[in-house]
C-alpha cells in the first residue's frame, strides 16, 4: 500500500488543486503549488503512473439533461466469491450506472445510477435484478436530492487552501446546442485540449474557452476534478448512512457545519428514502473512523435516529451518464 508519508507537500498541494480544477495548465499548477511547470508535470505524471490519480472527471448538473440520480444499495445471499466478481463485472457494463462500489457490511454493492423517468428507473432495476439473479436478496432505493459537501482532498494538507472564484449555486441557465457539444467532449475526456474540442464543436478555440468558463461560472459544469485511489495513499473509505428523527433546515445546517469542520468527512449528500444523509469518510484504520463517527454523533445528539456503516472494498466504476449528452 502506498503510504501517506510518501506524499510530500508538493504532491499534496497538486492533488488539492486538481480537486478544484483539473483543467489548469502545468504552468498554472506549478505556480499555485510553488514549483516549476516541468516539476508539476513530472509529479502529476508519476502519480498517474503509480495509480494514485486514476483519472479525470467532469461533473455536470444532471437535471439539465433530464436525468435524476438514484442510490441503490444491494444485498446478496448465498454467493460464492467467483459469482460476486462476475456480477460486479456485469453491473459495470450497465451504462446508466455511474458509480459502483463493492462493500462489506449490510450491503454488498452500492450503486449511483442516472434515470430519465420512473419507467427508465424500472428498466434499470430489471437489468440489475437479472444480473444478480437468485442471489439478489434486497435492493433499497434512495433518491439523490442535493450535495451537502463536494468531494474534497483538503485532508491531505489542512493548512493549504486553494479556492476558486465561482458562484456556489446553479443559476438555472440552460446550455445551448454548442454548450452541449462541449460538455459531451468533456464527459469523454475531462482533459481534452481546447483546440480538439473546438474542432469537434465547430467553434474557435477562444470561443470554447470562454464557454467552458461560463458553464463553470453558472454551475452547469459543477467541477472538473482528478479522481484518486485512496488505498494508494494509505486510506480506507467508509460510507456512513444517517437517519434523523426529523429532517429540517436547522438540522441540515448543523450537519453541514459539522462535516465542513471534519477534513476526513470528504463528501456528503442529502437523500430521500430509507436514509436522510449519505456521508463518505476516509481514515487510516477503523479506530480512526470511530473517532470521526463519535464526533458526528455527538453533534447530532438527540436528532440521530439510526445509522449504518459500510466499508468500501473497491471502486468498480466511476463514469458520467447524462442520457443523450453522454452518447455520440
Protein backbone atom coordinates (compact mmCIF):
# COMPACT_ATOMS: atom_id res chain seq x y z
CA UNK A 1 0.00 0.00 0.00
CA UNK A 2 1.25 3.49 -0.90
CA UNK A 3 1.86 5.19 2.44
CA UNK A 4 0.78 8.72 3.27
CA UNK A 5 4.29 9.78 4.31
CA UNK A 6 5.47 9.29 0.70
CA UNK A 7 3.20 12.11 -0.42
CA UNK A 8 5.23 15.22 0.25
CA UNK A 9 3.76 18.71 0.46
CA UNK A 10 4.15 19.34 -3.27
CA UNK A 11 2.16 16.25 -4.26
CA UNK A 12 -0.49 17.01 -1.67
CA UNK A 13 -0.83 20.59 -2.91
CA UNK A 14 -1.13 19.39 -6.51
CA UNK A 15 -3.88 16.91 -5.61
CA UNK A 16 -5.82 19.58 -3.69
CA UNK A 17 -5.59 21.95 -6.66
CA UNK A 18 -6.58 19.20 -9.14
CA UNK A 19 -9.59 18.50 -6.91
CA UNK A 20 -10.75 22.07 -7.64
CA UNK A 21 -9.81 22.43 -11.29
CA UNK A 22 -8.14 19.61 -13.21
CA UNK A 23 -8.01 21.67 -16.43
CA UNK A 24 -5.37 24.07 -15.17
CA UNK A 25 -2.16 24.10 -17.21
CA UNK A 26 1.05 22.67 -15.77
CA UNK A 27 2.33 26.25 -15.60
CA UNK A 28 -0.69 27.32 -13.52
CA UNK A 29 -0.46 24.22 -11.34
CA UNK A 30 3.23 24.84 -10.72
CA UNK A 31 2.67 28.46 -9.68
CA UNK A 32 -0.09 27.51 -7.25
CA UNK A 33 1.97 24.66 -5.76
CA UNK A 34 5.15 26.74 -5.63
CA UNK A 35 7.17 24.70 -8.15
CA UNK A 36 8.19 24.95 -11.79
CA UNK A 37 5.94 23.88 -14.68
CA UNK A 38 8.20 20.91 -15.50
CA UNK A 39 8.30 19.75 -11.89
CA UNK A 40 4.50 19.95 -11.62
CA UNK A 41 4.14 17.93 -14.85
CA UNK A 42 6.60 15.28 -13.65
CA UNK A 43 4.93 14.93 -10.23
CA UNK A 44 1.46 14.53 -11.79
CA UNK A 45 2.70 12.01 -14.36
CA UNK A 46 4.32 9.98 -11.59
CA UNK A 47 1.10 9.94 -9.54
CA UNK A 48 -0.82 8.84 -12.64
CA UNK A 49 1.76 6.10 -13.32
CA UNK A 50 1.57 4.85 -9.72
CA UNK A 51 -2.23 4.78 -9.83
CA UNK A 52 -2.74 7.47 -7.21
CA UNK A 53 -4.51 9.61 -9.80
CA UNK A 54 -6.93 7.23 -11.51
CA UNK A 55 -8.50 9.63 -13.99
CA UNK A 56 -10.21 12.96 -14.55
CA UNK A 57 -13.95 13.51 -14.29
CA UNK A 58 -16.37 16.22 -15.41
CA UNK A 59 -19.31 16.77 -13.04
CA UNK A 60 -22.40 18.33 -14.63
CA UNK A 61 -25.89 19.36 -13.45
CA UNK A 62 -27.83 16.19 -14.22
CA UNK A 63 -31.24 17.88 -14.28
CA UNK A 64 -30.16 19.99 -17.25
CA UNK A 65 -30.24 16.83 -19.32
CA UNK A 66 -33.40 15.31 -17.88
CA UNK A 67 -31.55 12.80 -15.70
CA UNK A 68 -32.09 12.25 -11.96
CA UNK A 69 -29.68 10.42 -9.67
CA UNK A 70 -30.68 7.42 -7.55
CA UNK A 71 -28.73 5.41 -4.98
CA UNK A 72 -29.31 1.66 -4.93
CA UNK A 73 -27.98 -0.47 -2.06
CA UNK A 74 -27.85 -4.15 -2.97
CA UNK A 75 -27.80 -7.09 -0.58
CA UNK A 76 -26.93 -10.55 -1.94
CA UNK A 77 -27.26 -14.02 -0.44
CA UNK A 78 -25.57 -17.43 -0.74
CA UNK A 79 -22.97 -16.03 -3.10
CA UNK A 80 -19.50 -17.53 -3.70
CA UNK A 81 -16.65 -15.06 -4.34
CA UNK A 82 -16.36 -16.04 -8.01
CA UNK A 83 -20.04 -15.23 -8.62
CA UNK A 84 -19.71 -11.85 -6.87
CA UNK A 85 -16.87 -10.94 -9.22
CA UNK A 86 -18.97 -11.95 -12.23
CA UNK A 87 -21.92 -9.85 -11.01
CA UNK A 88 -19.59 -6.90 -10.43
CA UNK A 89 -18.25 -7.11 -13.99
CA UNK A 90 -21.74 -7.31 -15.48
CA UNK A 91 -23.02 -4.39 -13.39
CA UNK A 92 -20.08 -2.34 -14.62
CA UNK A 93 -21.39 -2.69 -18.17
CA UNK A 94 -24.78 -1.13 -17.37
CA UNK A 95 -24.36 2.31 -18.94
CA UNK A 96 -26.77 4.06 -16.55
CA UNK A 97 -24.61 3.05 -13.58
CA UNK A 98 -22.32 6.00 -12.84
CA UNK A 99 -20.74 4.91 -9.57
CA UNK A 100 -20.34 1.31 -8.46
CA UNK A 101 -18.85 0.34 -5.11
CA UNK A 102 -18.15 -3.11 -3.72
CA UNK A 103 -18.67 -3.06 0.06
CA UNK A 104 -18.54 -5.00 3.31
CA UNK A 105 -21.40 -4.61 5.77
CA UNK A 106 -25.16 -4.62 5.39
CA UNK A 107 -24.90 -4.26 1.60
CA UNK A 108 -22.60 -5.89 -0.96
CA UNK A 109 -22.87 -3.22 -3.67
CA UNK A 110 -23.77 0.46 -3.62
CA UNK A 111 -24.76 2.00 -6.94
CA UNK A 112 -25.38 5.54 -8.15
CA UNK A 113 -27.39 5.46 -11.37
CA UNK A 114 -28.99 8.04 -13.64
CA UNK A 115 -32.56 7.65 -14.92
CA UNK A 116 -34.67 9.86 -17.20
CA UNK A 117 -38.02 8.92 -15.60
CA UNK A 118 -39.76 6.27 -13.49
CA UNK A 119 -40.09 3.86 -16.40
CA UNK A 120 -36.38 4.17 -17.12
CA UNK A 121 -35.64 3.58 -13.42
CA UNK A 122 -37.76 0.42 -13.50
CA UNK A 123 -35.77 -0.77 -16.51
CA UNK A 124 -32.53 -0.24 -14.61
CA UNK A 125 -33.97 -2.18 -11.65
CA UNK A 126 -34.88 -5.00 -14.03
CA UNK A 127 -31.36 -5.09 -15.50
CA UNK A 128 -29.78 -5.26 -12.05
CA UNK A 129 -32.23 -7.93 -10.86
CA UNK A 130 -31.49 -10.05 -13.94
CA UNK A 131 -27.73 -9.75 -13.39
CA UNK A 132 -27.95 -10.70 -9.71
CA UNK A 133 -30.48 -13.49 -10.35
CA UNK A 134 -31.38 -15.72 -7.43
CA UNK A 135 -28.54 -14.24 -5.37
CA UNK A 136 -30.44 -10.98 -5.01
CA UNK A 137 -31.94 -10.61 -1.57
CA UNK A 138 -32.79 -6.91 -1.40
CA UNK A 139 -32.48 -3.56 -3.23
CA UNK A 140 -33.00 -0.34 -1.28
CA UNK A 141 -33.65 2.92 -3.11
CA UNK A 142 -32.66 6.45 -2.05
CA UNK A 143 -33.29 9.48 -4.26
CA UNK A 144 -30.44 11.98 -4.55
CA UNK A 145 -31.62 15.44 -3.50
CA UNK A 146 -28.51 17.62 -3.27
CA UNK A 147 -24.84 17.65 -2.34
CA UNK A 148 -24.04 18.86 1.17
CA UNK A 149 -20.26 18.65 0.74
CA UNK A 150 -18.42 18.12 -2.54
CA UNK A 151 -15.63 15.56 -2.53
CA UNK A 152 -12.64 17.33 -1.01
CA UNK A 153 -8.96 16.43 -0.71
CA UNK A 154 -8.35 19.09 1.93
CA UNK A 155 -7.41 16.38 4.44
CA UNK A 156 -4.12 15.94 2.57
CA UNK A 157 -2.80 19.28 3.81
CA UNK A 158 -5.32 21.15 6.01
CA UNK A 159 -3.13 24.25 6.25
CA UNK A 160 -3.09 24.67 2.44
CA UNK A 161 -6.09 26.46 0.98
CA UNK A 162 -6.97 26.85 -2.70
CA UNK A 163 -10.35 28.36 -3.53
CA UNK A 164 -11.89 29.13 -6.91
CA UNK A 165 -13.75 32.36 -7.57
CA UNK A 166 -17.04 30.78 -8.62
CA UNK A 167 -20.71 31.06 -7.72
CA UNK A 168 -21.89 28.33 -5.37
CA UNK A 169 -25.29 27.57 -6.83
CA UNK A 170 -26.59 26.62 -10.24
CA UNK A 171 -28.07 29.72 -11.86
CA UNK A 172 -30.75 27.90 -13.89
CA UNK A 173 -29.30 28.98 -17.23
CA UNK A 174 -29.65 26.19 -19.80
CA UNK A 175 -26.78 25.32 -22.17
CA UNK A 176 -27.39 25.73 -25.90
CA UNK A 177 -26.51 23.13 -28.55
CA UNK A 178 -22.88 24.28 -28.74
CA UNK A 179 -22.54 24.04 -24.97
CA UNK A 180 -23.92 20.50 -25.17
CA UNK A 181 -21.26 19.60 -27.74
CA UNK A 182 -18.56 20.98 -25.46
CA UNK A 183 -19.95 19.15 -22.43
CA UNK A 184 -20.13 15.89 -24.39
CA UNK A 185 -16.43 16.15 -25.25
CA UNK A 186 -15.54 16.93 -21.64
CA UNK A 187 -17.55 13.92 -20.48
CA UNK A 188 -15.49 11.73 -22.82
CA UNK A 189 -12.21 13.33 -21.77
CA UNK A 190 -12.13 15.93 -18.99
CA UNK A 191 -8.60 16.93 -20.04
CA UNK A 192 -9.37 17.22 -23.76
CA UNK A 193 -7.37 20.12 -25.28
CA UNK A 194 -9.34 23.25 -26.18
CA UNK A 195 -8.23 23.00 -29.82
CA UNK A 196 -9.64 19.45 -30.10
CA UNK A 197 -12.97 20.47 -28.58
CA UNK A 198 -13.09 23.47 -30.93
CA UNK A 199 -12.59 21.25 -33.97
CA UNK A 200 -15.32 18.82 -32.92
CA UNK A 201 -17.81 21.50 -31.89
CA UNK A 202 -17.32 23.77 -34.91
CA UNK A 203 -16.21 26.74 -32.79
CA UNK A 204 -13.00 28.68 -32.36
CA UNK A 205 -10.63 27.78 -29.54
CA UNK A 206 -11.22 31.19 -27.94
CA UNK A 207 -15.00 30.69 -28.01
CA UNK A 208 -14.70 27.21 -26.48
CA UNK A 209 -12.50 28.56 -23.69
CA UNK A 210 -15.00 31.32 -22.89
CA UNK A 211 -17.93 28.90 -22.98
CA UNK A 212 -16.25 26.46 -20.58
CA UNK A 213 -15.56 29.31 -18.15
CA UNK A 214 -19.19 30.41 -18.43
CA UNK A 215 -20.50 26.86 -17.93
CA UNK A 216 -18.41 26.62 -14.76
CA UNK A 217 -19.49 30.06 -13.55
CA UNK A 218 -23.19 29.22 -13.97
CA UNK A 219 -22.54 25.78 -12.41
CA UNK A 220 -23.86 23.89 -15.44
CA UNK A 221 -20.45 22.23 -15.05
CA UNK A 222 -20.07 21.85 -11.29
CA UNK A 223 -16.48 20.65 -11.31
CA UNK A 224 -13.69 19.02 -13.31
CA UNK A 225 -11.51 17.03 -10.95
CA UNK A 226 -8.82 14.40 -10.64
CA UNK A 227 -10.07 11.20 -9.00
CA UNK A 228 -7.71 9.34 -6.69
CA UNK A 229 -7.28 5.84 -5.31
CA UNK A 230 -7.46 6.42 -1.57
CA UNK A 231 -5.95 3.00 -0.82
CA UNK A 232 -2.75 4.02 -2.64
CA UNK A 233 -2.17 6.77 -0.08
CA UNK A 234 -2.98 4.61 2.92
CA UNK A 235 -6.67 5.32 3.47
CA UNK A 236 -9.81 3.23 3.86
CA UNK A 237 -13.19 4.59 2.80
CA UNK A 238 -16.42 4.21 4.73
CA UNK A 239 -20.00 5.04 3.79
CA UNK A 240 -22.00 6.39 6.70
CA UNK A 241 -25.79 6.24 6.32
CA UNK A 242 -27.71 8.57 8.65
CA UNK A 243 -31.41 8.74 9.53
CA UNK A 244 -32.69 11.61 11.68
CA UNK A 245 -35.82 11.73 13.82
CA UNK A 246 -36.98 14.76 11.84
CA UNK A 247 -35.09 16.29 8.93
CA UNK A 248 -35.23 20.08 8.84
CA UNK A 249 -33.32 23.07 7.51
CA UNK A 250 -31.93 23.62 11.01
CA UNK A 251 -30.72 20.01 11.24
CA UNK A 252 -29.17 20.21 7.78
CA UNK A 253 -27.38 23.47 8.58
CA UNK A 254 -25.95 21.94 11.74
CA UNK A 255 -24.78 18.84 9.87
CA UNK A 256 -23.10 20.97 7.18
CA UNK A 257 -21.23 22.90 9.86
CA UNK A 258 -20.05 19.66 11.46
CA UNK A 259 -18.77 17.93 8.30
CA UNK A 260 -17.19 21.11 6.92
CA UNK A 261 -15.01 21.10 10.03
CA UNK A 262 -14.06 17.44 9.63
CA UNK A 263 -11.43 17.11 6.88
CA UNK A 264 -11.86 13.35 6.68
CA UNK A 265 -15.58 13.61 6.03
CA UNK A 266 -14.80 14.07 2.34
CA UNK A 267 -18.28 14.02 0.78
CA UNK A 268 -21.94 14.14 1.84
CA UNK A 269 -25.35 14.14 0.17
CA UNK A 270 -28.96 14.67 1.16
CA UNK A 271 -31.09 11.76 0.01
CA UNK A 272 -34.73 10.79 0.27
CA UNK A 273 -35.73 7.26 1.19
CA UNK A 274 -34.67 4.84 3.90
CA UNK A 275 -31.92 7.32 4.85
CA UNK A 276 -31.56 11.11 5.03
CA UNK A 277 -27.82 11.53 4.51
CA UNK A 278 -25.01 9.56 2.90
CA UNK A 279 -21.53 10.60 4.00
CA UNK A 280 -18.15 9.31 2.83
CA UNK A 281 -15.42 9.22 5.46
CA UNK A 282 -11.77 8.30 4.96
CA UNK A 283 -9.43 7.08 7.69
CA UNK A 284 -6.15 5.24 8.10
CA UNK A 285 -7.85 2.50 10.13
CA UNK A 286 -11.14 1.56 11.78
CA UNK A 287 -10.17 3.11 15.11
CA UNK A 288 -9.67 6.49 13.45
CA UNK A 289 -13.02 6.12 11.68
CA UNK A 290 -14.71 5.51 15.04
CA UNK A 291 -13.26 8.78 16.34
CA UNK A 292 -14.77 10.67 13.39
CA UNK A 293 -18.08 8.86 13.87
CA UNK A 294 -18.08 9.81 17.56
CA UNK A 295 -17.66 13.49 16.67
CA UNK A 296 -20.56 13.37 14.19
CA UNK A 297 -22.82 11.53 16.65
CA UNK A 298 -22.01 13.95 19.47
CA UNK A 299 -23.05 16.94 17.35
CA UNK A 300 -26.24 15.32 16.10
CA UNK A 301 -27.17 14.44 19.69
CA UNK A 302 -30.86 13.55 20.06
CA UNK A 303 -31.72 14.18 16.39
CA UNK A 304 -29.98 10.93 15.33
CA UNK A 305 -32.45 8.07 14.89
CA UNK A 306 -30.14 5.42 13.48
CA UNK A 307 -27.04 4.94 11.33
CA UNK A 308 -25.25 2.23 9.38
CA UNK A 309 -21.67 1.85 8.18
CA UNK A 310 -20.19 0.17 5.10
CA UNK A 311 -16.52 -0.38 4.33
CA UNK A 312 -15.79 0.30 0.66
CA UNK A 313 -13.56 -2.51 -0.56
CA UNK A 314 -13.36 -1.48 -4.22
CA UNK A 315 -14.46 1.32 -6.51
CA UNK A 316 -15.52 -0.70 -9.54
CA UNK A 317 -16.77 2.14 -11.75
CA UNK A 318 -16.94 5.93 -11.87
CA UNK A 319 -18.21 7.28 -15.17
CA UNK A 320 -20.69 10.01 -16.20
CA UNK A 321 -24.13 9.29 -17.58
CA UNK A 322 -26.33 12.10 -18.85
CA UNK A 323 -28.66 10.35 -21.29
CA UNK A 324 -28.19 11.64 -24.84
CA UNK A 325 -25.48 14.06 -23.76
CA UNK A 326 -23.30 11.04 -22.88
CA UNK A 327 -23.83 9.47 -26.28
CA UNK A 328 -22.36 10.16 -29.70
